[in-house]
Amino acid sequence: MRTRVDRPAPRGHAQKIAAHGKEEPMTVKLDAWVSNTEPRRDRLTADRLESLRKSGIARA
């Protein structure tokens, strides 16, 4: 398994999370989520950025 030091989870790790309005939890691949959200950070509101910082995401 290949893991980058600057990633919060090993490549391919999937996490089940509860989504608003959904009965069943959805599976999210964390490495893909981080890769997808990094280039979009400049479009996040200040509230969303603060939520990411509080949840421990260092690059927020």
Protein backbone atom coordinates (compact mmCIF):
# COMPACT_ATOMS: atom_id res chain seq x y z
CA MET A 1 0.00 0.00 0.00
CA ARG A 2 1.35 3.42 -0.92
CA THR A 3 0.71 6.24 1.55
CA ARG A 4 1.74 9.87 1.25
CA VAL A 5 2.90 11.52 4.43
CA ASP A 6 0.81 14.65 3.78
CA ARG A 7 -2.44 12.69 3.39
CA PRO A 8 -4.82 12.15 6.32
CA ALA A 9 -5.65 8.57 5.27
CA PRO A 10 -4.01 5.78 3.28
CA ARG A 11 -4.76 5.73 -0.43
CA GLY A 12 -7.93 3.77 -1.08
CA HIS A 13 -9.25 4.03 2.49
CA ALA A 14 -13.05 4.27 2.49
CA GLN A 15 -15.10 5.70 5.33
CA LYS A 16 -18.85 5.35 5.84
CA ILE A 17 -20.46 8.64 6.82
CA ALA A 18 -24.02 9.69 7.58
CA ALA A 19 -25.36 12.13 5.01
CA HIS A 20 -28.15 14.61 5.66
CA GLY A 21 -31.45 13.33 4.33
CA LYS A 22 -30.17 9.79 3.66
CA GLU A 23 -31.19 6.71 5.60
CA GLU A 24 -28.12 4.65 4.72
CA PRO A 25 -24.57 5.87 5.30
CA MET A 26 -22.57 6.61 2.19
CA THR A 27 -19.02 5.45 1.53
CA VAL A 28 -16.43 8.13 0.81
CA LYS A 29 -12.87 7.42 -0.28
CA LEU A 30 -10.98 9.88 1.89
CA ASP A 31 -7.92 10.29 -0.33
CA ALA A 32 -10.15 11.10 -3.30
CA TRP A 33 -12.18 13.52 -1.17
CA VAL A 34 -9.07 15.40 -0.07
CA SER A 35 -7.74 15.52 -3.64
CA ASN A 36 -11.06 16.84 -4.92
CA THR A 37 -11.54 19.48 -2.25
CA GLU A 38 -8.04 21.01 -2.25
CA PRO A 39 -8.39 22.84 -5.58
CA ARG A 40 -11.88 24.02 -4.62
CA ARG A 41 -10.91 25.61 -1.30
CA ASP A 42 -10.80 29.11 -2.77
CA ARG A 43 -14.54 28.84 -3.45
CA LEU A 44 -15.53 27.83 0.09
CA THR A 45 -17.24 30.29 2.40
CA ALA A 46 -15.46 31.47 5.54
CA ASP A 47 -17.85 29.35 7.64
CA ARG A 48 -16.97 26.19 5.69
CA LEU A 49 -13.24 26.88 5.97
CA GLU A 50 -13.58 27.40 9.71
CA SER A 51 -15.48 24.09 10.01
CA LEU A 52 -12.66 22.29 8.19
CA ARG A 53 -10.05 23.87 10.46
CA LYS A 54 -12.01 22.86 13.57
CA SER A 55 -12.31 19.28 12.31
CA GLY A 56 -8.52 19.05 12.07
CA ILE A 57 -7.93 19.44 8.38
CA ALA A 58 -4.64 21.35 8.45
CA ARG A 59 -4.65 22.62 4.88
CA ALA A 60 -7.98 24.40 5.22
